[in-house]
Amino acid sequence: MFLRDYWYAAGFSEEVGRAFLARTYLGEDVVLFRKEDGTPVALENRCAHRRLPLSMGKLIGDTLECGYHGLLYDCHGVCIKIPGQDRIPRGTAVKSYPIVDRHRYLWIWMGDPERADESKIPDFGWIDDSSYGVSNIKFRHDAHVQLIIDNLMDLSHLAYVHPTTTGSPEIAELARIETVREGETVSVKRWMEDVPPARTFREFGGYNGNIDSWQVSEFSPPTYIRVSYGSRGTGKGVPPGSWFDDQGHWGFYVFHGLTPETEVTAHQFRYIAFDKGIGNEQETEEFIRQCDQIITEDSVLFPVQQRAIDDDPEDTDAWNINEQVRLVHDGGLMQARQIVRELLARQTASNGNETPRDSAGAAAPR
């Protein structure tokens, strides 16, 4: 089950041009392209006639011609011409999806088009700030999207998965943790005082001694994740307030657009935003390389986890990993799961269907 009436990351704005880009979101095959004026378009990627993917056709101006029998569709998915006949049968159309360019992402609305509210697009505005340098990377994971959310809401794993970049033993052993839920958003604050800086902070923060450092992971439904890293010389402590905006002496932002492809596969579109004064071109490239190394190291874990879940004799799934084994670091990811469960139950009830149930047959909480 997926939350439908939300904007999902369809990809990076730069990925889509006049050439077709075919992707699957929430189990639906979609073809992306831009009109001649640059406006993005998202249509169901199958012809209404014999279901050939429209991405195998061609663009003629702002119309899309099917590569099988030449049916011609406008940018709203309506068939406007069938070669060899004047009458177009009723219902000869494909689904059109609202799609918007914002914060260097393309955002696609997978639910009721009448409910598509652009004010609900997540605030990734730091990416647009010209004072920041930015870099992106994307992945397609053979894993449930919830496994990626779990990873980003529990940064204790930095100590073990990323020990050569942002990770250090203190992140797991000494960090104090506070989990805060406000409405449908949950934030996990982690902070450490008077600890040795991890490699990335030492090299690019310019530290020679111990530091105070903090991280904030923030989840909003359906799958939006923002992470902020901050630090400063030891003795001053962590800043008051939310910490997300205050990165102290040195830090950087990470933005994740996560989109389920199917129940067991997912897209991840990640941007980092960082101080342009990080160093010369070579040093900046090294910082970006380290950030890409981090997410690449994570990407190795997810398909292995998914296979282990699929093979588990206890008949578990990504939603129902053994909750009896709960760690102090699990507060944020459990809250994120709870928010999604509540919203799924509400969505199901509004559709007049039965209460959704997990793989063990238990009703999702309302």
Protein backbone atom coordinates (compact mmCIF):
# COMPACT_ATOMS: atom_id res chain seq x y z
CA MET A 1 0.00 0.00 0.00
CA PHE A 2 1.17 3.52 -0.80
CA LEU A 3 0.16 6.98 0.32
CA ARG A 4 -1.27 8.46 -2.86
CA ASP A 5 -2.18 12.10 -2.36
CA TYR A 6 1.37 13.36 -2.01
CA TRP A 7 4.16 14.71 -4.18
CA TYR A 8 6.97 12.24 -4.81
CA ALA A 9 10.41 12.86 -6.26
CA ALA A 10 10.28 11.80 -9.91
CA GLY A 11 13.94 12.62 -10.44
CA PHE A 12 16.25 15.58 -10.86
CA SER A 13 15.10 18.44 -13.09
CA GLU A 14 18.22 18.08 -15.21
CA GLU A 15 17.38 14.46 -16.10
CA VAL A 16 14.30 15.25 -18.16
CA GLY A 17 14.40 16.92 -21.55
CA ARG A 18 12.95 16.21 -24.95
CA ALA A 19 14.06 12.58 -24.83
CA PHE A 20 11.69 10.18 -23.06
CA LEU A 21 12.54 8.98 -19.56
CA ALA A 22 10.60 5.92 -18.42
CA ARG A 23 10.28 5.19 -14.69
CA THR A 24 7.95 3.36 -12.35
CA TYR A 25 6.48 5.07 -9.29
CA LEU A 26 4.18 3.40 -6.76
CA GLY A 27 3.74 0.49 -9.16
CA GLU A 28 2.68 2.73 -12.07
CA ASP A 29 4.72 3.02 -15.28
CA VAL A 30 5.28 6.65 -16.28
CA VAL A 31 6.96 8.39 -19.20
CA LEU A 32 8.51 11.82 -18.59
CA PHE A 33 9.48 14.48 -21.12
CA ARG A 34 9.37 18.25 -21.66
CA LYS A 35 7.30 20.30 -24.05
CA GLU A 36 9.07 22.61 -26.46
CA ASP A 37 8.71 25.46 -23.94
CA GLY A 38 10.39 23.34 -21.23
CA THR A 39 7.25 22.46 -19.27
CA PRO A 40 7.53 18.92 -17.82
CA VAL A 41 4.93 16.28 -18.73
CA ALA A 42 4.20 12.91 -17.08
CA LEU A 43 1.93 10.38 -18.75
CA GLU A 44 1.00 6.75 -18.20
CA ASN A 45 3.60 4.76 -20.12
CA ARG A 46 1.35 2.43 -22.08
CA CYS A 47 -0.74 3.06 -25.15
CA ALA A 48 -4.49 2.81 -24.63
CA HIS A 49 -4.72 0.52 -27.66
CA ARG A 50 -2.28 -2.38 -27.29
CA ARG A 51 -0.31 -1.26 -24.27
CA LEU A 52 3.06 -0.72 -25.93
CA PRO A 53 5.10 1.67 -23.75
CA LEU A 54 4.73 5.17 -25.14
CA SER A 55 8.40 5.73 -24.35
CA MET A 56 9.06 3.59 -27.44
CA GLY A 57 7.35 6.19 -29.61
CA LYS A 58 8.44 9.69 -30.58
CA LEU A 59 7.67 13.34 -29.92
CA ILE A 60 6.12 15.40 -32.68
CA GLY A 61 6.12 18.95 -31.39
CA ASP A 62 4.27 18.66 -28.09
CA THR A 63 2.41 15.47 -29.03
CA LEU A 64 3.48 11.88 -28.45
CA GLU A 65 3.13 9.29 -31.21
CA CYS A 66 2.86 5.63 -30.23
CA GLY A 67 5.56 3.54 -31.88
CA TYR A 68 3.19 0.65 -32.67
CA HIS A 69 0.10 1.96 -34.50
CA GLY A 70 0.75 5.70 -34.56
CA LEU A 71 -1.93 6.87 -32.12
CA LEU A 72 -1.19 10.49 -31.29
CA TYR A 73 -1.61 11.84 -27.73
CA ASP A 74 -1.55 15.38 -26.45
CA CYS A 75 0.21 16.39 -23.24
CA HIS A 76 -2.92 15.68 -21.21
CA GLY A 77 -2.93 12.07 -22.36
CA VAL A 78 -5.90 12.48 -24.71
CA CYS A 79 -5.72 10.68 -28.06
CA ILE A 80 -6.20 13.30 -30.77
CA LYS A 81 -5.52 11.21 -33.89
CA ILE A 82 -5.73 7.60 -35.03
CA PRO A 83 -4.20 6.92 -38.46
CA GLY A 84 -6.71 5.67 -41.01
CA GLN A 85 -9.90 6.63 -39.18
CA ASP A 86 -11.76 9.77 -38.22
CA ARG A 87 -13.57 8.49 -35.12
CA ILE A 88 -11.64 8.20 -31.89
CA PRO A 89 -13.29 5.65 -29.56
CA ARG A 90 -14.48 7.01 -26.24
CA GLY A 91 -11.91 6.43 -23.49
CA THR A 92 -8.91 6.44 -25.82
CA ALA A 93 -6.62 8.21 -23.41
CA VAL A 94 -3.84 7.57 -20.93
CA LYS A 95 -3.46 8.86 -17.40
CA SER A 96 -1.79 12.25 -16.93
CA TYR A 97 0.04 13.11 -13.71
CA PRO A 98 0.58 16.59 -12.25
CA ILE A 99 4.33 17.29 -12.27
CA VAL A 100 6.23 20.35 -11.03
CA ASP A 101 9.82 21.65 -11.21
CA ARG A 102 11.00 22.83 -7.78
CA HIS A 103 14.25 22.83 -5.79
CA ARG A 104 16.09 21.14 -8.69
CA TYR A 105 13.71 18.17 -8.46
CA LEU A 106 10.73 17.10 -10.51
CA TRP A 107 7.81 16.31 -8.18
CA ILE A 108 5.01 14.02 -9.38
CA TRP A 109 1.55 13.72 -7.81
CA MET A 110 0.44 10.08 -7.79
CA GLY A 111 -3.04 10.55 -6.31
CA ASP A 112 -6.20 12.39 -7.26
CA PRO A 113 -5.13 15.22 -9.63
CA GLU A 114 -7.85 17.45 -8.21
CA ARG A 115 -6.05 17.38 -4.86
CA ALA A 116 -2.61 18.30 -6.21
CA ASP A 117 -1.57 21.23 -4.01
CA GLU A 118 1.88 22.66 -4.85
CA SER A 119 2.18 24.14 -1.35
CA LYS A 120 2.64 20.57 -0.11
CA ILE A 121 5.92 20.11 -1.99
CA PRO A 122 8.66 19.71 0.68
CA ASP A 123 10.89 22.65 1.51
CA PHE A 124 14.27 21.78 0.01
CA GLY A 125 14.94 25.45 -0.64
CA TRP A 126 18.53 25.36 0.61
CA ILE A 127 19.39 23.70 -2.71
CA ASP A 128 18.31 26.88 -4.52
CA ASP A 129 20.44 29.19 -2.35
CA SER A 130 23.28 30.50 -4.52
CA SER A 131 25.57 30.72 -1.49
CA TYR A 132 25.69 26.92 -1.31
CA GLY A 133 27.49 24.46 -3.49
CA VAL A 134 25.35 21.47 -4.47
CA SER A 135 25.84 17.96 -5.79
CA ASN A 136 23.45 15.10 -6.47
CA ILE A 137 23.41 11.36 -6.96
CA LYS A 138 20.63 8.82 -7.58
CA PHE A 139 20.04 5.13 -6.92
CA ARG A 140 17.46 2.49 -7.68
CA HIS A 141 17.35 0.02 -4.81
CA ASP A 142 16.08 -3.56 -4.82
CA ALA A 143 14.54 -2.91 -1.42
CA HIS A 144 11.44 -1.52 0.26
CA VAL A 145 11.59 2.26 0.72
CA GLN A 146 11.09 1.86 4.48
CA LEU A 147 14.55 0.31 4.83
CA ILE A 148 16.05 3.52 3.42
CA ILE A 149 13.97 5.67 5.78
CA ASP A 150 15.15 3.53 8.71
CA ASN A 151 18.75 4.10 7.68
CA LEU A 152 18.42 7.88 7.49
CA MET A 153 16.55 8.23 10.78
CA ASP A 154 19.16 6.27 12.76
CA LEU A 155 22.59 7.80 12.25
CA SER A 156 24.26 5.57 14.83
CA HIS A 157 25.19 3.41 11.83
CA LEU A 158 27.71 6.06 10.73
CA ALA A 159 30.18 4.61 13.21
CA TYR A 160 30.13 1.21 11.50
CA VAL A 161 29.18 1.76 7.85
CA HIS A 162 31.04 5.05 7.30
CA PRO A 163 34.08 4.99 9.61
CA THR A 164 36.39 6.59 7.02
CA THR A 165 34.20 9.70 6.45
CA THR A 166 31.50 11.00 8.81
CA GLY A 167 31.49 8.10 11.24
CA SER A 168 33.25 7.73 14.57
CA PRO A 169 32.68 5.47 17.60
CA GLU A 170 31.37 8.40 19.64
CA ILE A 171 28.31 8.73 17.38
CA ALA A 172 27.04 5.36 18.59
CA GLU A 173 28.54 5.22 22.08
CA LEU A 174 28.31 8.78 23.46
CA ALA A 175 25.61 10.61 21.49
CA ARG A 176 22.62 11.91 23.38
CA ILE A 177 19.38 11.48 21.47
CA GLU A 178 16.09 13.33 21.46
CA THR A 179 13.14 12.31 19.29
CA VAL A 180 10.45 14.94 18.74
CA ARG A 181 7.18 14.47 16.87
CA GLU A 182 5.26 17.55 15.81
CA GLY A 183 2.11 16.66 13.92
CA GLU A 184 3.16 14.49 11.00
CA THR A 185 6.86 15.36 11.22
CA VAL A 186 9.42 13.60 13.40
CA SER A 187 12.94 14.86 14.13
CA VAL A 188 15.82 12.98 15.70
CA LYS A 189 18.47 15.16 17.32
CA ARG A 190 21.85 13.62 18.14
CA TRP A 191 24.64 15.52 19.83
CA MET A 192 28.10 14.90 21.26
CA GLU A 193 30.38 17.22 23.18
CA ASP A 194 34.17 17.24 23.39
CA VAL A 195 34.75 14.39 20.94
CA PRO A 196 37.38 13.85 18.22
CA PRO A 197 36.11 15.00 14.81
CA ALA A 198 35.38 12.35 12.21
CA ARG A 199 37.55 12.53 9.09
CA THR A 200 35.16 14.64 7.00
CA PHE A 201 34.78 17.21 9.78
CA ARG A 202 38.51 17.30 10.46
CA GLU A 203 39.45 17.80 6.82
CA PHE A 204 36.79 20.32 5.80
CA GLY A 205 35.90 21.94 9.12
CA GLY A 206 39.56 22.73 9.76
CA TYR A 207 39.60 21.32 13.29
CA ASN A 208 42.82 20.50 15.13
CA GLY A 209 41.24 19.33 18.39
CA ASN A 210 38.00 18.01 19.82
CA ILE A 211 34.63 19.40 18.77
CA ASP A 212 30.99 19.58 19.75
CA SER A 213 28.85 18.16 16.94
CA TRP A 214 25.21 17.48 16.18
CA GLN A 215 22.96 15.96 13.55
CA VAL A 216 19.26 16.36 12.88
CA SER A 217 17.30 13.85 10.80
CA GLU A 218 13.79 14.97 9.88
CA PHE A 219 11.06 12.82 8.34
CA SER A 220 7.80 14.04 6.82
CA PRO A 221 5.32 11.85 4.96
CA PRO A 222 5.25 10.19 2.66
CA THR A 223 9.03 9.82 2.27
CA TYR A 224 10.77 13.20 2.66
CA ILE A 225 14.05 13.23 4.61
CA ARG A 226 16.19 16.25 5.46
CA VAL A 227 19.45 15.90 7.41
CA SER A 228 21.60 18.67 8.85
CA TYR A 229 25.13 18.24 10.21
CA GLY A 230 26.67 20.91 12.45
CA SER A 231 29.82 21.38 14.54
CA ARG A 232 32.04 23.88 16.36
CA GLY A 233 35.04 23.91 18.64
CA THR A 234 34.51 22.19 21.95
CA GLY A 235 33.43 24.11 25.02
CA LYS A 236 30.52 26.01 23.51
CA GLY A 237 28.02 23.16 23.47
CA VAL A 238 25.29 22.64 20.94
CA PRO A 239 23.10 25.57 19.87
CA PRO A 240 19.59 26.14 21.21
CA GLY A 241 16.49 25.70 19.10
CA SER A 242 15.92 23.24 16.31
CA TRP A 243 19.58 23.11 15.23
CA PHE A 244 18.56 22.45 11.66
CA ASP A 245 19.45 25.93 10.47
CA ASP A 246 22.33 26.52 12.89
CA GLN A 247 25.31 24.49 11.70
CA GLY A 248 27.80 26.26 13.97
CA HIS A 249 31.29 26.63 12.55
CA TRP A 250 30.90 23.98 9.86
CA GLY A 251 28.30 21.58 8.54
CA PHE A 252 26.26 20.62 5.52
CA TYR A 253 22.74 19.63 4.47
CA VAL A 254 21.50 16.41 2.87
CA PHE A 255 18.12 16.15 1.12
CA HIS A 256 16.57 12.85 0.10
CA GLY A 257 13.71 12.40 -2.33
CA LEU A 258 12.64 8.79 -1.78
CA THR A 259 9.99 7.22 -3.99
CA PRO A 260 8.68 3.65 -3.92
CA GLU A 261 9.01 2.01 -7.31
CA THR A 262 7.14 -1.12 -6.20
CA GLU A 263 6.52 -2.80 -2.85
CA VAL A 264 10.09 -4.10 -2.84
CA THR A 265 12.05 -1.57 -4.93
CA ALA A 266 12.65 2.16 -4.52
CA HIS A 267 14.24 5.27 -6.03
CA GLN A 268 16.55 7.54 -4.05
CA PHE A 269 17.41 11.02 -5.32
CA ARG A 270 19.87 12.81 -3.04
CA TYR A 271 21.24 16.36 -2.98
CA ILE A 272 23.86 17.84 -0.68
CA ALA A 273 24.17 21.59 -0.03
CA PHE A 274 27.43 22.87 1.41
CA ASP A 275 29.45 26.03 2.00
CA LYS A 276 31.21 27.08 -1.22
CA GLY A 277 34.17 28.14 0.90
CA ILE A 278 35.00 24.55 1.69
CA GLY A 279 38.27 24.81 -0.25
CA ASN A 280 39.69 24.85 -3.76
CA GLU A 281 38.25 22.85 -6.63
CA GLN A 282 40.21 19.72 -5.74
CA GLU A 283 39.15 19.89 -2.08
CA THR A 284 35.53 20.43 -3.06
CA GLU A 285 35.67 17.41 -5.34
CA GLU A 286 37.04 15.35 -2.46
CA PHE A 287 34.21 16.45 -0.17
CA ILE A 288 31.64 15.47 -2.80
CA ARG A 289 33.45 12.16 -3.32
CA GLN A 290 33.21 11.42 0.39
CA CYS A 291 29.50 12.26 0.43
CA ASP A 292 28.91 9.99 -2.57
CA GLN A 293 30.95 7.27 -0.88
CA ILE A 294 28.66 7.47 2.15
CA ILE A 295 25.45 6.92 0.24
CA THR A 296 27.05 4.27 -1.95
CA GLU A 297 28.08 2.34 1.17
CA ASP A 298 24.49 2.53 2.38
CA SER A 299 23.15 1.34 -0.98
CA VAL A 300 24.97 -1.98 -0.56
CA LEU A 301 22.99 -2.75 2.60
CA PHE A 302 19.41 -2.37 1.38
CA PRO A 303 19.13 -5.23 -1.16
CA VAL A 304 20.93 -7.56 1.24
CA GLN A 305 18.45 -6.62 3.98
CA GLN A 306 15.54 -7.13 1.60
CA ARG A 307 16.75 -10.60 0.60
CA ALA A 308 17.20 -11.54 4.25
CA ILE A 309 13.67 -10.33 5.00
CA ASP A 310 12.26 -12.25 2.02
CA ASP A 311 14.04 -15.43 3.17
CA ASP A 312 13.14 -15.05 6.85
CA PRO A 313 11.26 -18.17 8.05
CA GLU A 314 9.30 -15.90 10.43
CA ASP A 315 7.44 -14.46 7.42
CA THR A 316 8.38 -10.87 8.20
CA ASP A 317 8.53 -7.83 5.92
CA ALA A 318 10.07 -4.36 5.89
CA TRP A 319 7.21 -3.00 8.01
CA ASN A 320 7.41 -5.72 10.61
CA ILE A 321 11.05 -6.42 11.38
CA ASN A 322 11.28 -7.91 14.88
CA GLU A 323 10.05 -5.02 17.01
CA GLN A 324 10.91 -6.87 20.23
CA VAL A 325 14.56 -6.07 19.52
CA ARG A 326 14.33 -2.31 19.93
CA LEU A 327 17.40 -0.11 20.43
CA VAL A 328 17.73 3.35 21.95
CA HIS A 329 18.47 4.62 18.43
CA ASP A 330 15.15 3.35 16.99
CA GLY A 331 12.85 6.10 18.27
CA GLY A 332 12.77 8.20 15.12
CA LEU A 333 12.30 5.41 12.64
CA MET A 334 9.54 3.87 14.75
CA GLN A 335 7.77 7.22 14.93
CA ALA A 336 8.10 7.60 11.15
CA ARG A 337 6.54 4.17 10.67
CA GLN A 338 3.73 5.07 13.03
CA ILE A 339 2.94 8.26 11.11
CA VAL A 340 2.74 6.37 7.81
CA ARG A 341 0.58 3.63 9.36
CA GLU A 342 -1.85 6.24 10.69
CA LEU A 343 -2.06 7.97 7.32
CA LEU A 344 -2.54 4.68 5.47
CA ALA A 345 -5.38 3.78 7.81
CA ARG A 346 -6.96 7.19 7.24
CA GLN A 347 -6.54 6.86 3.46
CA THR A 348 -8.14 3.43 3.46
CA ALA A 349 -11.03 4.58 5.61
CA SER A 350 -11.68 7.57 3.33
CA ASN A 351 -11.76 5.22 0.34
CA GLY A 352 -14.41 3.09 2.08
CA ASN A 353 -12.22 0.00 2.17
CA GLU A 354 -11.45 -2.38 4.98
CA THR A 355 -8.85 -1.52 7.60
CA PRO A 356 -5.34 -2.21 6.23
CA ARG A 357 -3.50 -5.05 7.88
CA ASP A 358 0.17 -5.86 8.18
CA SER A 359 1.75 -9.12 7.12
CA ALA A 360 0.90 -10.71 10.48
CA GLY A 361 -2.78 -9.87 10.06
CA ALA A 362 -2.83 -7.12 12.69
CA ALA A 363 -4.90 -4.04 11.96
CA ALA A 364 -2.89 -0.90 11.32
CA PRO A 365 -3.40 1.69 14.09
CA ARG A 366 -5.90 4.48 13.48
